[in-house]
C-alpha atoms as a PDB file:
ATOM      1  CA  MET A   1     -20.560 -22.487 -29.540  1.00  0.00           C
ATOM      2  CA  ASN A   2     -22.288 -25.745 -28.586  1.00  0.00           C
ATOM      3  CA  GLY A   3     -20.783 -27.346 -25.506  1.00  0.00           C
ATOM      4  CA  GLU A   4     -22.211 -30.808 -26.222  1.00  0.00           C
ATOM      5  CA  ASN A   5     -19.266 -33.250 -26.129  1.00  0.00           C
ATOM      6  CA  ALA A   6     -16.834 -30.342 -26.629  1.00  0.00           C
ATOM      7  CA  VAL A   7     -13.189 -30.839 -25.684  1.00  0.00           C
ATOM      8  CA  ILE A   8     -11.865 -27.708 -23.970  1.00  0.00           C
ATOM      9  CA  LEU A   9      -8.138 -26.885 -24.039  1.00  0.00           C
ATOM     10  CA  CYS A  10      -6.813 -24.405 -21.449  1.00  0.00           C
ATOM     11  CA  PRO A  11      -3.545 -22.498 -22.075  1.00  0.00           C
ATOM     12  CA  GLY A  12      -0.521 -22.558 -19.812  1.00  0.00           C
ATOM     13  CA  GLN A  13       2.238 -20.115 -18.976  1.00  0.00           C
ATOM     14  CA  GLY A  14       3.846 -18.599 -22.045  1.00  0.00           C
ATOM     15  CA  ALA A  15       0.514 -17.769 -23.712  1.00  0.00           C
ATOM     16  CA  GLN A  16       0.143 -14.500 -21.781  1.00  0.00           C
ATOM     17  CA  ALA A  17       0.138 -11.233 -23.750  1.00  0.00           C
ATOM     18  CA  VAL A  18      -0.850  -7.650 -23.021  1.00  0.00           C
ATOM     19  CA  GLY A  19      -4.521  -7.242 -23.921  1.00  0.00           C
ATOM     20  CA  MET A  20      -5.418 -10.817 -22.975  1.00  0.00           C
ATOM     21  CA  GLY A  21      -9.128 -11.227 -22.263  1.00  0.00           C
ATOM     22  CA  LYS A  22     -10.006  -7.607 -23.132  1.00  0.00           C
ATOM     23  CA  GLY A  23     -12.091  -8.590 -26.145  1.00  0.00           C
ATOM     24  CA  TRP A  24     -14.125 -10.990 -24.037  1.00  0.00           C
ATOM     25  CA  PHE A  25     -14.456  -8.435 -21.211  1.00  0.00           C
ATOM     26  CA  ASP A  26     -15.901  -5.884 -23.639  1.00  0.00           C
ATOM     27  CA  ALA A  27     -18.178  -8.360 -25.425  1.00  0.00           C
ATOM     28  CA  SER A  28     -19.634 -10.358 -22.535  1.00  0.00           C
ATOM     29  CA  PRO A  29     -21.173  -9.424 -19.176  1.00  0.00           C
ATOM     30  CA  ASP A  30     -20.294 -12.932 -17.938  1.00  0.00           C
ATOM     31  CA  ALA A  31     -16.632 -12.433 -18.825  1.00  0.00           C
ATOM     32  CA  ALA A  32     -16.675  -8.968 -17.223  1.00  0.00           C
ATOM     33  CA  ARG A  33     -18.099 -10.454 -14.019  1.00  0.00           C
ATOM     34  CA  THR A  34     -15.316 -13.065 -13.999  1.00  0.00           C
ATOM     35  CA  PHE A  35     -12.648 -10.369 -14.168  1.00  0.00           C
ATOM     36  CA  GLY A  36     -14.491  -8.323 -11.541  1.00  0.00           C
ATOM     37  CA  ALA A  37     -14.629 -11.263  -9.139  1.00  0.00           C
ATOM     38  CA  ALA A  38     -10.921 -11.892  -9.683  1.00  0.00           C
ATOM     39  CA  ASP A  39     -10.054  -8.247  -9.010  1.00  0.00           C
ATOM     40  CA  GLU A  40     -11.866  -8.454  -5.662  1.00  0.00           C
ATOM     41  CA  ILE A  41     -10.015 -11.637  -4.651  1.00  0.00           C
ATOM     42  CA  VAL A  42      -6.560 -10.479  -5.774  1.00  0.00           C
ATOM     43  CA  GLY A  43      -6.975  -6.948  -4.442  1.00  0.00           C
ATOM     44  CA  ASP A  44      -3.803  -4.844  -4.494  1.00  0.00           C
ATOM     45  CA  ARG A  45      -1.310  -7.723  -4.206  1.00  0.00           C
ATOM     46  CA  PHE A  46       0.334  -6.666  -7.463  1.00  0.00           C
ATOM     47  CA  GLY A  47       0.041  -2.899  -7.046  1.00  0.00           C
ATOM     48  CA  ALA A  48      -2.624  -2.782  -9.762  1.00  0.00           C
ATOM     49  CA  LYS A  49      -5.829  -4.643 -10.528  1.00  0.00           C
ATOM     50  CA  LEU A  50      -5.291  -8.018 -12.176  1.00  0.00           C
ATOM     51  CA  SER A  51      -7.613  -6.971 -15.014  1.00  0.00           C
ATOM     52  CA  THR A  52      -5.529  -3.825 -15.590  1.00  0.00           C
ATOM     53  CA  LEU A  53      -2.357  -5.911 -15.842  1.00  0.00           C
ATOM     54  CA  CYS A  54      -4.076  -8.267 -18.308  1.00  0.00           C
ATOM     55  CA  PHE A  55      -5.436  -5.489 -20.499  1.00  0.00           C
ATOM     56  CA  ASP A  56      -2.684  -2.839 -20.270  1.00  0.00           C
ATOM     57  CA  GLY A  57       0.443  -4.575 -18.951  1.00  0.00           C
ATOM     58  CA  PRO A  58       3.250  -3.608 -18.645  1.00  0.00           C
ATOM     59  CA  VAL A  59       4.577  -6.722 -20.362  1.00  0.00           C
ATOM     60  CA  ASP A  60       7.432  -7.132 -17.857  1.00  0.00           C
ATOM     61  CA  ALA A  61       4.915  -7.449 -15.030  1.00  0.00           C
ATOM     62  CA  LEU A  62       2.590  -9.753 -16.952  1.00  0.00           C
ATOM     63  CA  ASN A  63       5.491 -12.079 -17.781  1.00  0.00           C
ATOM     64  CA  ARG A  64       6.361 -12.565 -14.106  1.00  0.00           C
ATOM     65  CA  THR A  65       5.386 -16.072 -13.018  1.00  0.00           C
ATOM     66  CA  ASP A  66       3.413 -14.867  -9.983  1.00  0.00           C
ATOM     67  CA  ILE A  67       1.257 -12.576 -12.163  1.00  0.00           C
ATOM     68  CA  ALA A  68       1.109 -14.580 -15.388  1.00  0.00           C
ATOM     69  CA  GLN A  69      -0.452 -17.627 -13.751  1.00  0.00           C
ATOM     70  CA  PRO A  70      -3.518 -15.974 -12.153  1.00  0.00           C
ATOM     71  CA  ALA A  71      -3.893 -13.802 -15.259  1.00  0.00           C
ATOM     72  CA  LEU A  72      -4.012 -16.857 -17.530  1.00  0.00           C
ATOM     73  CA  PHE A  73      -6.445 -18.650 -15.234  1.00  0.00           C
ATOM     74  CA  VAL A  74      -8.876 -15.720 -15.142  1.00  0.00           C
ATOM     75  CA  ALA A  75      -8.659 -14.998 -18.892  1.00  0.00           C
ATOM     76  CA  GLY A  76      -9.372 -18.647 -19.675  1.00  0.00           C
ATOM     77  CA  VAL A  77     -12.346 -18.834 -17.313  1.00  0.00           C
ATOM     78  CA  ALA A  78     -13.695 -15.518 -18.628  1.00  0.00           C
ATOM     79  CA  SER A  79     -13.654 -16.720 -22.250  1.00  0.00           C
ATOM     80  CA  PHE A  80     -15.386 -19.958 -21.236  1.00  0.00           C
ATOM     81  CA  GLN A  81     -18.071 -18.077 -19.282  1.00  0.00           C
ATOM     82  CA  ALA A  82     -18.657 -15.772 -22.233  1.00  0.00           C
ATOM     83  CA  MET A  83     -19.350 -18.724 -24.518  1.00  0.00           C
ATOM     84  CA  LEU A  84     -20.770 -21.396 -22.223  1.00  0.00           C
ATOM     85  CA  SER A  85     -22.003 -19.711 -19.046  1.00  0.00           C
ATOM     86  CA  GLY A  86     -24.241 -22.083 -17.113  1.00  0.00           C
ATOM     87  CA  THR A  87     -23.162 -25.141 -19.112  1.00  0.00           C
ATOM     88  CA  ASP A  88     -23.542 -28.440 -17.269  1.00  0.00           C
ATOM     89  CA  PRO A  89     -19.981 -29.838 -17.150  1.00  0.00           C
ATOM     90  CA  THR A  90     -21.373 -33.351 -17.572  1.00  0.00           C
ATOM     91  CA  LYS A  91     -22.317 -32.369 -21.151  1.00  0.00           C
ATOM     92  CA  LEU A  92     -18.689 -31.612 -22.054  1.00  0.00           C
ATOM     93  CA  GLY A  93     -16.490 -34.262 -23.631  1.00  0.00           C
ATOM     94  CA  ALA A  94     -13.321 -33.487 -21.686  1.00  0.00           C
ATOM     95  CA  ILE A  95     -11.127 -30.629 -20.449  1.00  0.00           C
ATOM     96  CA  ALA A  96      -7.342 -30.466 -20.570  1.00  0.00           C
ATOM     97  CA  GLY A  97      -4.973 -27.715 -19.497  1.00  0.00           C
ATOM     98  CA  LEU A  98      -1.259 -27.315 -20.129  1.00  0.00           C
ATOM     99  CA  SER A  99       0.523 -27.127 -16.747  1.00  0.00           C
ATOM    100  CA  LEU A 100      -1.113 -24.056 -15.131  1.00  0.00           C
ATOM    101  CA  GLY A 101      -4.100 -24.707 -17.417  1.00  0.00           C
ATOM    102  CA  GLU A 102      -4.886 -27.863 -15.461  1.00  0.00           C
ATOM    103  CA  TYR A 103      -6.242 -25.604 -12.698  1.00  0.00           C
ATOM    104  CA  THR A 104      -8.546 -23.880 -15.205  1.00  0.00           C
ATOM    105  CA  ALA A 105      -9.700 -27.325 -16.319  1.00  0.00           C
ATOM    106  CA  LEU A 106     -10.427 -28.532 -12.786  1.00  0.00           C
ATOM    107  CA  HIS A 107     -12.423 -25.386 -12.002  1.00  0.00           C
ATOM    108  CA  LEU A 108     -14.484 -25.610 -15.201  1.00  0.00           C
ATOM    109  CA  ALA A 109     -15.207 -29.267 -14.427  1.00  0.00           C
ATOM    110  CA  GLY A 110     -16.681 -28.277 -11.059  1.00  0.00           C
ATOM    111  CA  ALA A 111     -13.894 -29.784  -8.945  1.00  0.00           C
ATOM    112  CA  ILE A 112     -12.643 -26.540  -7.360  1.00  0.00           C
ATOM    113  CA  SER A 113     -14.511 -23.262  -6.822  1.00  0.00           C
ATOM    114  CA  PHE A 114     -13.393 -20.123  -8.649  1.00  0.00           C
ATOM    115  CA  ALA A 115     -12.211 -18.386  -5.483  1.00  0.00           C
ATOM    116  CA  ASP A 116     -10.345 -21.434  -4.168  1.00  0.00           C
ATOM    117  CA  CYS A 117      -8.748 -22.142  -7.542  1.00  0.00           C
ATOM    118  CA  LEU A 118      -7.595 -18.539  -7.962  1.00  0.00           C
ATOM    119  CA  GLU A 119      -6.037 -18.626  -4.490  1.00  0.00           C
ATOM    120  CA  LEU A 120      -4.274 -21.888  -5.385  1.00  0.00           C
ATOM    121  CA  VAL A 121      -2.915 -20.354  -8.578  1.00  0.00           C
ATOM    122  CA  LEU A 122      -1.727 -17.271  -6.667  1.00  0.00           C
ATOM    123  CA  VAL A 123       0.175 -19.497  -4.232  1.00  0.00           C
ATOM    124  CA  ARG A 124       1.537 -21.652  -7.052  1.00  0.00           C
ATOM    125  CA  GLY A 125       2.778 -18.685  -9.083  1.00  0.00           C
ATOM    126  CA  ARG A 126       4.414 -17.000  -6.098  1.00  0.00           C
ATOM    127  CA  ALA A 127       6.017 -20.241  -4.909  1.00  0.00           C
ATOM    128  CA  MET A 128       7.397 -21.015  -8.367  1.00  0.00           C
ATOM    129  CA  GLN A 129       8.722 -17.459  -8.706  1.00  0.00           C
ATOM    130  CA  ASP A 130      10.477 -17.749  -5.335  1.00  0.00           C
ATOM    131  CA  ALA A 131      11.915 -21.182  -6.159  1.00  0.00           C
ATOM    132  CA  ALA A 132      13.201 -19.870  -9.484  1.00  0.00           C
ATOM    133  CA  GLU A 133      14.884 -16.902  -7.811  1.00  0.00           C
ATOM    134  CA  ALA A 134      16.470 -19.160  -5.189  1.00  0.00           C
ATOM    135  CA  SER A 135      18.067 -21.480  -7.771  1.00  0.00           C
ATOM    136  CA  GLU A 136      19.944 -20.761 -10.972  1.00  0.00           C
ATOM    137  CA  GLY A 137      17.812 -22.715 -13.402  1.00  0.00           C
ATOM    138  CA  SER A 138      16.873 -22.564 -17.063  1.00  0.00           C
ATOM    139  CA  MET A 139      15.113 -24.504 -19.835  1.00  0.00           C
ATOM    140  CA  VAL A 140      16.096 -25.668 -23.322  1.00  0.00           C
ATOM    141  CA  ALA A 141      13.795 -26.667 -26.182  1.00  0.00           C
ATOM    142  CA  LEU A 142      14.871 -29.633 -28.302  1.00  0.00           C
ATOM    143  CA  ILE A 143      13.535 -29.485 -31.859  1.00  0.00           C
ATOM    144  CA  GLY A 144      13.171 -32.792 -33.696  1.00  0.00           C
ATOM    145  CA  ALA A 145      14.006 -34.929 -30.665  1.00  0.00           C
ATOM    146  CA  ASP A 146      12.277 -38.082 -29.498  1.00  0.00           C
ATOM    147  CA  GLU A 147      12.274 -39.289 -25.889  1.00  0.00           C
ATOM    148  CA  GLU A 148      15.378 -41.429 -26.372  1.00  0.00           C
ATOM    149  CA  GLN A 149      17.349 -38.506 -27.808  1.00  0.00           C
ATOM    150  CA  ALA A 150      16.152 -36.181 -25.050  1.00  0.00           C
ATOM    151  CA  ASN A 151      17.290 -38.658 -22.404  1.00  0.00           C
ATOM    152  CA  ALA A 152      20.644 -38.993 -24.176  1.00  0.00           C
ATOM    153  CA  VAL A 153      21.143 -35.210 -24.061  1.00  0.00           C
ATOM    154  CA  CYS A 154      20.290 -35.151 -20.356  1.00  0.00           C
ATOM    155  CA  LEU A 155      22.716 -37.977 -19.627  1.00  0.00           C
ATOM    156  CA  SER A 156      25.497 -36.294 -21.602  1.00  0.00           C
ATOM    157  CA  ALA A 157      25.030 -32.761 -20.226  1.00  0.00           C
ATOM    158  CA  ARG A 158      23.772 -33.309 -16.686  1.00  0.00           C
ATOM    159  CA  GLY A 159      27.071 -33.911 -14.879  1.00  0.00           C
ATOM    160  CA  ASP A 160      26.414 -33.683 -11.149  1.00  0.00           C
ATOM    161  CA  GLU A 161      23.655 -31.075 -11.640  1.00  0.00           C
ATOM    162  CA  VAL A 162      19.929 -31.210 -12.448  1.00  0.00           C
ATOM    163  CA  LEU A 163      18.790 -31.742 -16.051  1.00  0.00           C
ATOM    164  CA  VAL A 164      15.553 -33.544 -16.933  1.00  0.00           C
ATOM    165  CA  ALA A 165      12.915 -33.714 -19.651  1.00  0.00           C
ATOM    166  CA  ALA A 166      10.211 -31.313 -18.437  1.00  0.00           C
ATOM    167  CA  ASN A 167       7.664 -30.893 -21.237  1.00  0.00           C
ATOM    168  CA  TYR A 168       6.563 -33.361 -23.899  1.00  0.00           C
ATOM    169  CA  ASN A 169       4.718 -30.729 -25.908  1.00  0.00           C
ATOM    170  CA  ALA A 170       4.366 -32.542 -29.228  1.00  0.00           C
ATOM    171  CA  PRO A 171       6.243 -35.072 -31.346  1.00  0.00           C
ATOM    172  CA  GLY A 172       9.643 -33.532 -32.025  1.00  0.00           C
ATOM    173  CA  GLN A 173       9.238 -30.842 -29.381  1.00  0.00           C
ATOM    174  CA  ILE A 174      10.608 -31.720 -25.944  1.00  0.00           C
ATOM    175  CA  VAL A 175      11.763 -29.171 -23.360  1.00  0.00           C
ATOM    176  CA  LEU A 176      14.574 -29.843 -20.889  1.00  0.00           C
ATOM    177  CA  SER A 177      14.781 -28.159 -17.503  1.00  0.00           C
ATOM    178  CA  GLY A 178      17.505 -27.886 -14.914  1.00  0.00           C
ATOM    179  CA  SER A 179      20.572 -26.086 -13.624  1.00  0.00           C
ATOM    180  CA  LYS A 180      21.762 -23.155 -15.706  1.00  0.00           C
ATOM    181  CA  ASP A 181      25.168 -24.671 -16.494  1.00  0.00           C
ATOM    182  CA  ALA A 182      23.663 -28.064 -17.375  1.00  0.00           C
ATOM    183  CA  CYS A 183      21.232 -26.370 -19.762  1.00  0.00           C
ATOM    184  CA  ALA A 184      24.155 -24.553 -21.388  1.00  0.00           C
ATOM    185  CA  ARG A 185      25.937 -27.868 -21.898  1.00  0.00           C
ATOM    186  CA  ALA A 186      22.734 -29.334 -23.361  1.00  0.00           C
ATOM    187  CA  LEU A 187      22.893 -26.832 -26.236  1.00  0.00           C
ATOM    188  CA  ASP A 188      26.114 -28.504 -27.391  1.00  0.00           C
ATOM    189  CA  ALA A 189      25.094 -32.055 -26.455  1.00  0.00           C
ATOM    190  CA  ALA A 190      21.957 -31.796 -28.622  1.00  0.00           C
ATOM    191  CA  GLY A 191      24.055 -31.477 -31.763  1.00  0.00           C
ATOM    192  CA  GLU A 192      25.854 -34.685 -30.884  1.00  0.00           C
ATOM    193  CA  VAL A 193      22.586 -36.662 -31.168  1.00  0.00           C
ATOM    194  CA  GLY A 194      21.424 -34.819 -34.275  1.00  0.00           C
ATOM    195  CA  VAL A 195      18.789 -32.433 -32.889  1.00  0.00           C
ATOM    196  CA  ARG A 196      18.546 -28.655 -32.634  1.00  0.00           C
ATOM    197  CA  ALA A 197      18.408 -26.916 -29.257  1.00  0.00           C
ATOM    198  CA  THR A 198      17.246 -23.434 -28.283  1.00  0.00           C
ATOM    199  CA  ALA A 199      17.649 -21.750 -24.909  1.00  0.00           C
ATOM    200  CA  LEU A 200      14.312 -20.471 -23.575  1.00  0.00           C
ATOM    201  CA  SER A 201      13.798 -17.140 -21.836  1.00  0.00           C
ATOM    202  CA  VAL A 202      12.192 -18.366 -18.612  1.00  0.00           C
ATOM    203  CA  ALA A 203      12.375 -17.455 -14.935  1.00  0.00           C
ATOM    204  CA  GLY A 204      13.595 -20.852 -13.774  1.00  0.00           C
ATOM    205  CA  ALA A 205      13.768 -24.621 -14.116  1.00  0.00           C
ATOM    206  CA  PHE A 206      10.060 -25.435 -14.076  1.00  0.00           C
ATOM    207  CA  HIS A 207       8.844 -29.050 -13.820  1.00  0.00           C
ATOM    208  CA  SER A 208      12.190 -30.168 -12.424  1.00  0.00           C
ATOM    209  CA  PRO A 209      13.487 -31.131  -8.956  1.00  0.00           C
ATOM    210  CA  LEU A 210      14.545 -27.479  -8.507  1.00  0.00           C
ATOM    211  CA  MET A 211      10.845 -26.691  -7.971  1.00  0.00           C
ATOM    212  CA  ALA A 212      10.669 -28.912  -4.846  1.00  0.00           C
ATOM    213  CA  PRO A 213      10.362 -25.909  -2.454  1.00  0.00           C
ATOM    214  CA  ALA A 214       7.405 -24.634  -4.492  1.00  0.00           C
ATOM    215  CA  ALA A 215       5.795 -28.085  -4.447  1.00  0.00           C
ATOM    216  CA  ALA A 216       6.033 -28.176  -0.639  1.00  0.00           C
ATOM    217  CA  ARG A 217       4.298 -24.791  -0.328  1.00  0.00           C
ATOM    218  CA  LEU A 218       1.590 -25.787  -2.795  1.00  0.00           C
ATOM    219  CA  ASP A 219       1.036 -29.049  -0.908  1.00  0.00           C
ATOM    220  CA  GLU A 220       0.350 -27.107   2.272  1.00  0.00           C
ATOM    221  CA  THR A 221      -2.277 -24.937   0.585  1.00  0.00           C
ATOM    222  CA  LEU A 222      -3.882 -27.848  -1.269  1.00  0.00           C
ATOM    223  CA  SER A 223      -4.330 -29.762   1.981  1.00  0.00           C
ATOM    224  CA  GLY A 224      -6.890 -27.163   3.074  1.00  0.00           C
ATOM    225  CA  THR A 225      -8.637 -26.805  -0.296  1.00  0.00           C
ATOM    226  CA  GLN A 226     -12.020 -28.389  -0.988  1.00  0.00           C
ATOM    227  CA  ILE A 227     -11.810 -30.611  -4.064  1.00  0.00           C
ATOM    228  CA  ASP A 228     -14.866 -32.386  -5.435  1.00  0.00           C
ATOM    229  CA  GLU A 229     -15.070 -35.089  -8.068  1.00  0.00           C
ATOM    230  CA  PRO A 230     -14.807 -33.529 -11.551  1.00  0.00           C
ATOM    231  CA  ARG A 231     -18.118 -33.685 -13.415  1.00  0.00           C
ATOM    232  CA  CYS A 232     -16.416 -34.532 -16.699  1.00  0.00           C
ATOM    233  CA  THR A 233     -13.116 -36.007 -17.846  1.00  0.00           C
ATOM    234  CA  VAL A 234     -10.143 -33.850 -16.803  1.00  0.00           C
ATOM    235  CA  MET A 235      -6.661 -34.742 -18.019  1.00  0.00           C
ATOM    236  CA  SER A 236      -3.664 -35.017 -15.694  1.00  0.00           C
ATOM    237  CA  ASN A 237      -0.358 -33.600 -16.920  1.00  0.00           C
ATOM    238  CA  VAL A 238       1.517 -36.046 -14.684  1.00  0.00           C
ATOM    239  CA  SER A 239      -0.020 -39.212 -16.151  1.00  0.00           C
ATOM    240  CA  GLY A 240      -1.134 -38.065 -19.603  1.00  0.00           C
ATOM    241  CA  GLU A 241      -4.470 -39.709 -18.776  1.00  0.00           C
ATOM    242  CA  PRO A 242      -7.711 -38.620 -17.054  1.00  0.00           C
ATOM    243  CA  HIS A 243      -7.725 -37.914 -13.348  1.00  0.00           C
ATOM    244  CA  ALA A 244      -9.039 -40.962 -11.501  1.00  0.00           C
ATOM    245  CA  PRO A 245      -8.942 -42.207  -7.902  1.00  0.00           C
ATOM    246  CA  ALA A 246      -5.716 -43.846  -6.812  1.00  0.00           C
ATOM    247  CA  GLU A 247      -6.151 -47.510  -5.940  1.00  0.00           C
ATOM    248  CA  GLY A 248      -8.024 -47.712  -2.655  1.00  0.00           C
ATOM    249  CA  GLY A 249      -8.299 -43.930  -2.404  1.00  0.00           C
ATOM    250  CA  ASP A 250     -10.582 -41.055  -3.402  1.00  0.00           C
ATOM    251  CA  ILE A 251     -10.200 -38.836  -6.428  1.00  0.00           C
ATOM    252  CA  ALA A 252      -9.690 -35.644  -4.384  1.00  0.00           C
ATOM    253  CA  ALA A 253      -6.601 -37.107  -2.733  1.00  0.00           C
ATOM    254  CA  SER A 254      -5.293 -38.232  -6.098  1.00  0.00           C
ATOM    255  CA  ILE A 255      -5.828 -34.774  -7.644  1.00  0.00           C
ATOM    256  CA  ARG A 256      -3.999 -33.104  -4.747  1.00  0.00           C
ATOM    257  CA  GLU A 257      -1.091 -35.511  -5.062  1.00  0.00           C
ATOM    258  CA  ARG A 258      -0.802 -35.041  -8.816  1.00  0.00           C
ATOM    259  CA  LEU A 259      -1.011 -31.233  -8.664  1.00  0.00           C
ATOM    260  CA  VAL A 260       1.919 -31.217  -6.248  1.00  0.00           C
ATOM    261  CA  LYS A 261       3.852 -33.769  -8.296  1.00  0.00           C
ATOM    262  CA  GLN A 262       3.222 -31.741 -11.456  1.00  0.00           C
ATOM    263  CA  LEU A 263       5.653 -29.036 -10.303  1.00  0.00           C
ATOM    264  CA  VAL A 264       8.604 -31.443 -10.226  1.00  0.00           C
ATOM    265  CA  SER A 265       7.543 -33.881 -12.979  1.00  0.00           C
ATOM    266  CA  PRO A 266       7.407 -33.743 -16.783  1.00  0.00           C
ATOM    267  CA  VAL A 267       4.251 -32.402 -18.417  1.00  0.00           C
ATOM    268  CA  LEU A 268       2.889 -35.165 -20.671  1.00  0.00           C
ATOM    269  CA  TRP A 269       0.850 -32.872 -22.920  1.00  0.00           C
ATOM    270  CA  SER A 270       1.505 -34.749 -26.148  1.00  0.00           C
ATOM    271  CA  GLN A 271       0.476 -38.041 -24.554  1.00  0.00           C
ATOM    272  CA  GLY A 272      -2.672 -36.498 -23.047  1.00  0.00           C
ATOM    273  CA  CYS A 273      -3.744 -34.992 -26.371  1.00  0.00           C
ATOM    274  CA  GLY A 274      -3.168 -38.365 -27.993  1.00  0.00           C
ATOM    275  CA  TRP A 275      -5.585 -39.871 -25.477  1.00  0.00           C
ATOM    276  CA  LEU A 276      -8.177 -37.169 -26.211  1.00  0.00           C
ATOM    277  CA  ALA A 277      -7.883 -37.682 -29.961  1.00  0.00           C
ATOM    278  CA  GLN A 278      -8.485 -41.392 -29.512  1.00  0.00           C
ATOM    279  CA  HIS A 279     -11.375 -41.223 -27.036  1.00  0.00           C
ATOM    280  CA  CYS A 280     -13.284 -37.982 -27.764  1.00  0.00           C
ATOM    281  CA  GLU A 281     -15.606 -37.323 -30.699  1.00  0.00           C
ATOM    282  CA  GLY A 282     -16.629 -33.708 -30.062  1.00  0.00           C
ATOM    283  CA  GLU A 283     -15.141 -30.469 -31.371  1.00  0.00           C
ATOM    284  CA  PHE A 284     -11.892 -29.198 -29.820  1.00  0.00           C
ATOM    285  CA  HIS A 285     -11.889 -25.586 -28.552  1.00  0.00           C
ATOM    286  CA  GLU A 286      -8.932 -23.566 -27.229  1.00  0.00           C
ATOM    287  CA  LEU A 287      -9.747 -20.916 -24.617  1.00  0.00           C
ATOM    288  CA  ALA A 288      -8.116 -17.484 -24.424  1.00  0.00           C
ATOM    289  CA  PRO A 289      -5.401 -16.345 -24.537  1.00  0.00           C
ATOM    290  CA  GLY A 290      -3.241 -17.207 -27.533  1.00  0.00           C
ATOM    291  CA  LYS A 291      -3.121 -19.984 -30.102  1.00  0.00           C
ATOM    292  CA  VAL A 292      -0.344 -22.184 -28.706  1.00  0.00           C
ATOM    293  CA  LEU A 293      -2.378 -25.326 -28.083  1.00  0.00           C
ATOM    294  CA  GLY A 294      -3.913 -25.443 -31.551  1.00  0.00           C
ATOM    295  CA  GLY A 295      -0.414 -25.255 -32.987  1.00  0.00           C
ATOM    296  CA  LEU A 296       0.764 -28.133 -30.822  1.00  0.00           C
ATOM    297  CA  MET A 297      -2.263 -30.223 -31.786  1.00  0.00           C
ATOM    298  CA  ARG A 298      -1.371 -29.868 -35.465  1.00  0.00           C
ATOM    299  CA  ARG A 299       1.920 -31.591 -34.629  1.00  0.00           C
ATOM    300  CA  ILE A 300       0.271 -34.208 -32.391  1.00  0.00           C
ATOM    301  CA  ASN A 301      -2.663 -35.200 -34.613  1.00  0.00           C
ATOM    302  CA  ARG A 302      -3.367 -33.378 -37.868  1.00  0.00           C
ATOM    303  CA  THR A 303      -6.874 -34.840 -38.107  1.00  0.00           C
ATOM    304  CA  ILE A 304      -7.972 -32.798 -35.065  1.00  0.00           C
ATOM    305  CA  LYS A 305      -9.043 -29.223 -35.819  1.00  0.00           C
ATOM    306  CA  VAL A 306      -8.903 -26.872 -32.839  1.00  0.00           C
ATOM    307  CA  VAL A 307     -11.269 -23.871 -32.850  1.00  0.00           C
ATOM    308  CA  ASN A 308      -9.484 -20.909 -31.293  1.00  0.00           C
ATOM    309  CA  HIS A 309     -11.194 -18.407 -28.973  1.00  0.00           C
ATOM    310  CA  ASP A 310      -8.445 -15.884 -28.258  1.00  0.00           C
ATOM    311  CA  GLN A 311     -10.954 -13.209 -29.319  1.00  0.00           C
ATOM    312  CA  PRO A 312     -14.777 -13.218 -29.482  1.00  0.00           C
END
């Protein structure tokens, strides 16, 4: 793989699967070192090595938010190191990550060290797990909906509870997030505006106001984390555009603010990929694990071919 002008896509939660990263671990000393470094940092926090959970499961453990997030981060970094170890980030076209994947992107762009980023992801996953357990939340996928229809469903089903658009994954694929009862009402309300709705099997109402306690904990950890200016374009899920300094501020402060805001704000993945398609000329590559992002890109812009790297 040639990294010149490459656009790197980093998976988010939901792409995890037992065996993730094992092919890269076996094929590449650089990938093996990445997993080894992660095992040292994580230690026995999960009762087993992180690499063991990635390679052997059990699936119930790997699907837990607090484990899935560091596992996805490490598997993504390992596949990148196997293919592009030592690559100057300034040679890359851009990096984008879906939700959790934004941390992978920021690390690969040289903004946050591996150890610091893994610690951030560990805090984020644990805080989101705790917030989910403390509130009865859920998520609903709307199939065939545009933003206006999604907002209409929220307005109809919300009542006095929480229900918001949480993920703009691709045209016709918007995910709602909120209180369990409001999500249940959304399943019926969707039919009233002519779209299909499917309840998702998730731990909680991610990217909604119900994640505010998790955002507060993440903010505390981020305040002590060294963040440097990314050495290539990195997309923000909050804005759907590249990270850039806030007016009159520095880019590190802006990144911190947006990473906290990301937990309680919609993920503008479709909008961000639209920006990449318009501004980037290099090949698009999806890191391990899974093939979710290539599938979404086919719905966002069929002219963009995404090379998948789930396996060597």
